[in-house]
Amino acid sequence: MKQESRFINILSKVATVLAILMYVSYIPQIFNNLQGDYGNPVQPLVAAINCSFWCIYAYFKVHRDWPVFWANFPGIIFGAVAFATALH
């Protein structure tokens, strides 16, 4: 049981870092949008909404799920910015 707990702890940290990297990868799209090479706004909008729901879920659980919260929080910001800059 203790081994599984250690594995889950490590897995949650790795997954958090990977999720943050996934949403930080919106930065090139944002720069392209600002330079007039607009991307599709639908995917980042849906990502921002999805991440908002996950953050609300993680924060309002009886035992807050901080890895889920922090993994999704950057998606709200970067998704929203990518969406807004893709509108033309």
N, C-alpha and C. Protein backbone atom coordinates (compact mmCIF):
# COMPACT_ATOMS: atom_id res chain seq x y z
N MET A 1 0.83 -1.19 0.00
CA MET A 1 0.00 0.00 0.00
C MET A 1 0.87 1.26 0.00
N LYS A 2 1.91 1.26 0.83
CA LYS A 2 2.79 2.43 0.90
C LYS A 2 3.49 2.66 -0.44
N GLN A 3 3.89 1.59 -1.13
CA GLN A 3 4.55 1.71 -2.43
C GLN A 3 3.62 2.38 -3.44
N GLU A 4 2.34 1.99 -3.44
CA GLU A 4 1.38 2.61 -4.35
C GLU A 4 1.24 4.10 -4.04
N SER A 5 1.20 4.46 -2.79
CA SER A 5 1.07 5.85 -2.38
C SER A 5 2.26 6.67 -2.88
N ARG A 6 3.46 6.12 -2.77
CA ARG A 6 4.66 6.80 -3.26
C ARG A 6 4.59 6.96 -4.78
N PHE A 7 4.15 5.91 -5.47
CA PHE A 7 4.02 5.96 -6.92
C PHE A 7 3.01 7.03 -7.33
N ILE A 8 1.87 7.08 -6.68
CA ILE A 8 0.84 8.06 -7.01
C ILE A 8 1.35 9.48 -6.74
N ASN A 9 2.09 9.66 -5.68
CA ASN A 9 2.67 10.97 -5.35
C ASN A 9 3.61 11.44 -6.45
N ILE A 10 4.50 10.56 -6.89
CA ILE A 10 5.44 10.90 -7.97
C ILE A 10 4.69 11.13 -9.27
N LEU A 11 3.73 10.26 -9.56
CA LEU A 11 2.94 10.39 -10.78
C LEU A 11 2.20 11.73 -10.83
N SER A 12 1.65 12.15 -9.72
CA SER A 12 0.91 13.42 -9.69
C SER A 12 1.84 14.59 -9.97
N LYS A 13 3.05 14.54 -9.48
CA LYS A 13 4.00 15.64 -9.72
C LYS A 13 4.44 15.67 -11.19
N VAL A 14 4.74 14.51 -11.76
CA VAL A 14 5.14 14.44 -13.16
C VAL A 14 3.98 14.90 -14.06
N ALA A 15 2.78 14.43 -13.77
CA ALA A 15 1.62 14.82 -14.57
C ALA A 15 1.35 16.32 -14.47
N THR A 16 1.56 16.91 -13.31
CA THR A 16 1.38 18.35 -13.13
C THR A 16 2.35 19.12 -14.00
N VAL A 17 3.62 18.73 -13.98
CA VAL A 17 4.62 19.41 -14.80
C VAL A 17 4.29 19.26 -16.29
N LEU A 18 3.91 18.07 -16.72
CA LEU A 18 3.57 17.85 -18.13
C LEU A 18 2.35 18.67 -18.56
N ALA A 19 1.36 18.77 -17.70
CA ALA A 19 0.18 19.56 -18.03
C ALA A 19 0.54 21.04 -18.15
N ILE A 20 1.37 21.53 -17.25
CA ILE A 20 1.80 22.93 -17.33
C ILE A 20 2.55 23.18 -18.63
N LEU A 21 3.44 22.26 -18.99
CA LEU A 21 4.18 22.39 -20.25
C LEU A 21 3.23 22.38 -21.45
N MET A 22 2.19 21.57 -21.37
CA MET A 22 1.22 21.51 -22.46
C MET A 22 0.57 22.88 -22.68
N TYR A 23 0.21 23.55 -21.61
CA TYR A 23 -0.47 24.84 -21.75
C TYR A 23 0.51 25.97 -22.04
N VAL A 24 1.73 25.88 -21.56
CA VAL A 24 2.74 26.87 -21.90
C VAL A 24 3.06 26.81 -23.40
N SER A 25 2.82 25.66 -24.00
CA SER A 25 3.08 25.51 -25.44
C SER A 25 2.13 26.37 -26.28
N TYR A 26 1.16 27.02 -25.67
CA TYR A 26 0.31 27.98 -26.38
C TYR A 26 1.08 29.26 -26.72
N ILE A 27 2.20 29.50 -26.09
CA ILE A 27 2.94 30.75 -26.29
C ILE A 27 3.28 30.99 -27.76
N PRO A 28 3.81 29.99 -28.50
CA PRO A 28 4.07 30.26 -29.93
C PRO A 28 2.80 30.61 -30.71
N GLN A 29 1.68 29.97 -30.38
CA GLN A 29 0.42 30.30 -31.06
C GLN A 29 0.02 31.73 -30.74
N ILE A 30 0.20 32.14 -29.52
CA ILE A 30 -0.14 33.51 -29.12
C ILE A 30 0.70 34.51 -29.91
N PHE A 31 2.01 34.25 -30.00
CA PHE A 31 2.88 35.14 -30.78
C PHE A 31 2.47 35.16 -32.25
N ASN A 32 2.16 34.00 -32.81
CA ASN A 32 1.70 33.95 -34.21
C ASN A 32 0.40 34.75 -34.38
N ASN A 33 -0.51 34.60 -33.44
CA ASN A 33 -1.76 35.36 -33.50
C ASN A 33 -1.48 36.86 -33.49
N LEU A 34 -0.58 37.29 -32.62
CA LEU A 34 -0.26 38.71 -32.52
C LEU A 34 0.41 39.24 -33.77
N GLN A 35 1.07 38.36 -34.54
CA GLN A 35 1.74 38.76 -35.78
C GLN A 35 0.82 38.63 -36.99
N GLY A 36 -0.44 38.27 -36.77
CA GLY A 36 -1.41 38.21 -37.85
C GLY A 36 -1.59 36.83 -38.47
N ASP A 37 -0.85 35.84 -38.00
CA ASP A 37 -1.00 34.46 -38.48
C ASP A 37 -1.90 33.73 -37.49
N TYR A 38 -3.21 33.97 -37.62
CA TYR A 38 -4.18 33.54 -36.61
C TYR A 38 -4.41 32.03 -36.62
N GLY A 39 -4.46 31.47 -35.43
CA GLY A 39 -4.83 30.07 -35.27
C GLY A 39 -6.32 29.97 -35.00
N ASN A 40 -6.81 28.76 -34.95
CA ASN A 40 -8.21 28.52 -34.67
C ASN A 40 -8.48 28.82 -33.19
N PRO A 41 -9.47 29.65 -32.85
CA PRO A 41 -9.71 30.00 -31.45
C PRO A 41 -10.50 28.96 -30.66
N VAL A 42 -11.08 27.97 -31.33
CA VAL A 42 -11.98 27.04 -30.63
C VAL A 42 -11.23 26.17 -29.62
N GLN A 43 -10.14 25.55 -30.02
CA GLN A 43 -9.44 24.62 -29.12
C GLN A 43 -8.94 25.31 -27.85
N PRO A 44 -8.27 26.49 -27.93
CA PRO A 44 -7.85 27.11 -26.68
C PRO A 44 -9.01 27.58 -25.81
N LEU A 45 -10.14 27.96 -26.43
CA LEU A 45 -11.31 28.34 -25.63
C LEU A 45 -11.84 27.13 -24.86
N VAL A 46 -11.96 26.01 -25.54
CA VAL A 46 -12.45 24.79 -24.87
C VAL A 46 -11.47 24.35 -23.79
N ALA A 47 -10.17 24.47 -24.06
CA ALA A 47 -9.16 24.12 -23.05
C ALA A 47 -9.30 25.01 -21.82
N ALA A 48 -9.50 26.31 -22.02
CA ALA A 48 -9.65 27.23 -20.89
C ALA A 48 -10.90 26.90 -20.06
N ILE A 49 -11.99 26.58 -20.73
CA ILE A 49 -13.23 26.20 -20.02
C ILE A 49 -13.02 24.90 -19.27
N ASN A 50 -12.43 23.91 -19.93
CA ASN A 50 -12.15 22.62 -19.29
C ASN A 50 -11.26 22.80 -18.06
N CYS A 51 -10.22 23.58 -18.21
CA CYS A 51 -9.30 23.80 -17.08
C CYS A 51 -10.00 24.54 -15.94
N SER A 52 -10.90 25.45 -16.27
CA SER A 52 -11.67 26.14 -15.23
C SER A 52 -12.49 25.16 -14.41
N PHE A 53 -13.14 24.24 -15.10
CA PHE A 53 -13.94 23.23 -14.39
C PHE A 53 -13.06 22.35 -13.50
N TRP A 54 -11.90 21.94 -14.02
CA TRP A 54 -11.01 21.10 -13.22
C TRP A 54 -10.48 21.85 -12.00
N CYS A 55 -10.17 23.12 -12.17
CA CYS A 55 -9.69 23.91 -11.02
C CYS A 55 -10.78 24.08 -9.97
N ILE A 56 -11.99 24.35 -10.41
CA ILE A 56 -13.11 24.46 -9.47
C ILE A 56 -13.31 23.15 -8.73
N TYR A 57 -13.29 22.05 -9.48
CA TYR A 57 -13.43 20.72 -8.87
C TYR A 57 -12.33 20.48 -7.82
N ALA A 58 -11.09 20.73 -8.21
CA ALA A 58 -9.96 20.44 -7.32
C ALA A 58 -9.97 21.32 -6.08
N TYR A 59 -10.39 22.57 -6.23
CA TYR A 59 -10.38 23.50 -5.11
C TYR A 59 -11.50 23.23 -4.12
N PHE A 60 -12.66 22.87 -4.62
CA PHE A 60 -13.82 22.73 -3.73
C PHE A 60 -14.04 21.32 -3.20
N LYS A 61 -13.15 20.37 -3.54
CA LYS A 61 -13.24 19.05 -2.91
C LYS A 61 -13.00 19.19 -1.41
N VAL A 62 -13.51 18.24 -0.65
CA VAL A 62 -13.29 18.27 0.80
C VAL A 62 -11.79 18.30 1.09
N HIS A 63 -11.03 17.45 0.41
CA HIS A 63 -9.57 17.46 0.51
C HIS A 63 -9.06 18.01 -0.82
N ARG A 64 -8.66 19.27 -0.80
CA ARG A 64 -8.25 19.92 -2.05
C ARG A 64 -7.20 19.10 -2.79
N ASP A 65 -7.35 19.05 -4.08
CA ASP A 65 -6.44 18.28 -4.94
C ASP A 65 -5.52 19.27 -5.66
N TRP A 66 -4.46 19.68 -4.97
CA TRP A 66 -3.58 20.71 -5.49
C TRP A 66 -2.87 20.32 -6.79
N PRO A 67 -2.42 19.08 -6.96
CA PRO A 67 -1.81 18.75 -8.26
C PRO A 67 -2.77 18.97 -9.43
N VAL A 68 -4.03 18.60 -9.27
CA VAL A 68 -5.01 18.81 -10.34
C VAL A 68 -5.24 20.31 -10.54
N PHE A 69 -5.33 21.05 -9.46
CA PHE A 69 -5.53 22.50 -9.56
C PHE A 69 -4.39 23.16 -10.31
N TRP A 70 -3.15 22.92 -9.85
CA TRP A 70 -1.99 23.59 -10.46
C TRP A 70 -1.69 23.08 -11.86
N ALA A 71 -2.07 21.86 -12.16
CA ALA A 71 -1.89 21.34 -13.51
C ALA A 71 -2.79 22.04 -14.50
N ASN A 72 -3.94 22.50 -14.06
CA ASN A 72 -4.93 23.10 -14.95
C ASN A 72 -4.97 24.62 -14.92
N PHE A 73 -4.48 25.23 -13.87
CA PHE A 73 -4.53 26.69 -13.75
C PHE A 73 -3.86 27.41 -14.92
N PRO A 74 -2.65 27.00 -15.35
CA PRO A 74 -2.05 27.68 -16.51
C PRO A 74 -2.90 27.56 -17.77
N GLY A 75 -3.66 26.48 -17.90
CA GLY A 75 -4.52 26.30 -19.06
C GLY A 75 -5.60 27.35 -19.15
N ILE A 76 -6.07 27.83 -18.01
CA ILE A 76 -7.07 28.90 -18.00
C ILE A 76 -6.45 30.17 -18.60
N ILE A 77 -5.29 30.51 -18.12
CA ILE A 77 -4.63 31.75 -18.56
C ILE A 77 -4.18 31.65 -20.02
N PHE A 78 -3.38 30.64 -20.33
CA PHE A 78 -2.84 30.54 -21.69
C PHE A 78 -3.93 30.23 -22.71
N GLY A 79 -4.91 29.42 -22.32
CA GLY A 79 -6.02 29.14 -23.23
C GLY A 79 -6.83 30.39 -23.54
N ALA A 80 -7.09 31.18 -22.50
CA ALA A 80 -7.86 32.42 -22.69
C ALA A 80 -7.10 33.42 -23.55
N VAL A 81 -5.80 33.55 -23.30
CA VAL A 81 -5.00 34.48 -24.09
C VAL A 81 -4.89 34.02 -25.54
N ALA A 82 -4.66 32.71 -25.75
CA ALA A 82 -4.60 32.18 -27.12
C ALA A 82 -5.93 32.38 -27.84
N PHE A 83 -7.03 32.18 -27.13
CA PHE A 83 -8.35 32.40 -27.71
C PHE A 83 -8.54 33.87 -28.09
N ALA A 84 -8.25 34.76 -27.15
CA ALA A 84 -8.47 36.19 -27.39
C ALA A 84 -7.61 36.71 -28.53
N THR A 85 -6.37 36.27 -28.60
CA THR A 85 -5.49 36.77 -29.65
C THR A 85 -5.81 36.14 -31.00
N ALA A 86 -6.52 35.00 -31.03
CA ALA A 86 -6.88 34.36 -32.30
C ALA A 86 -8.10 35.00 -32.95
N LEU A 87 -8.82 35.82 -32.19
CA LEU A 87 -9.99 36.49 -32.75
C LEU A 87 -9.54 37.63 -33.65
N HIS A 88 -10.14 37.73 -34.81
CA HIS A 88 -9.78 38.81 -35.74
C HIS A 88 -11.00 39.26 -36.52
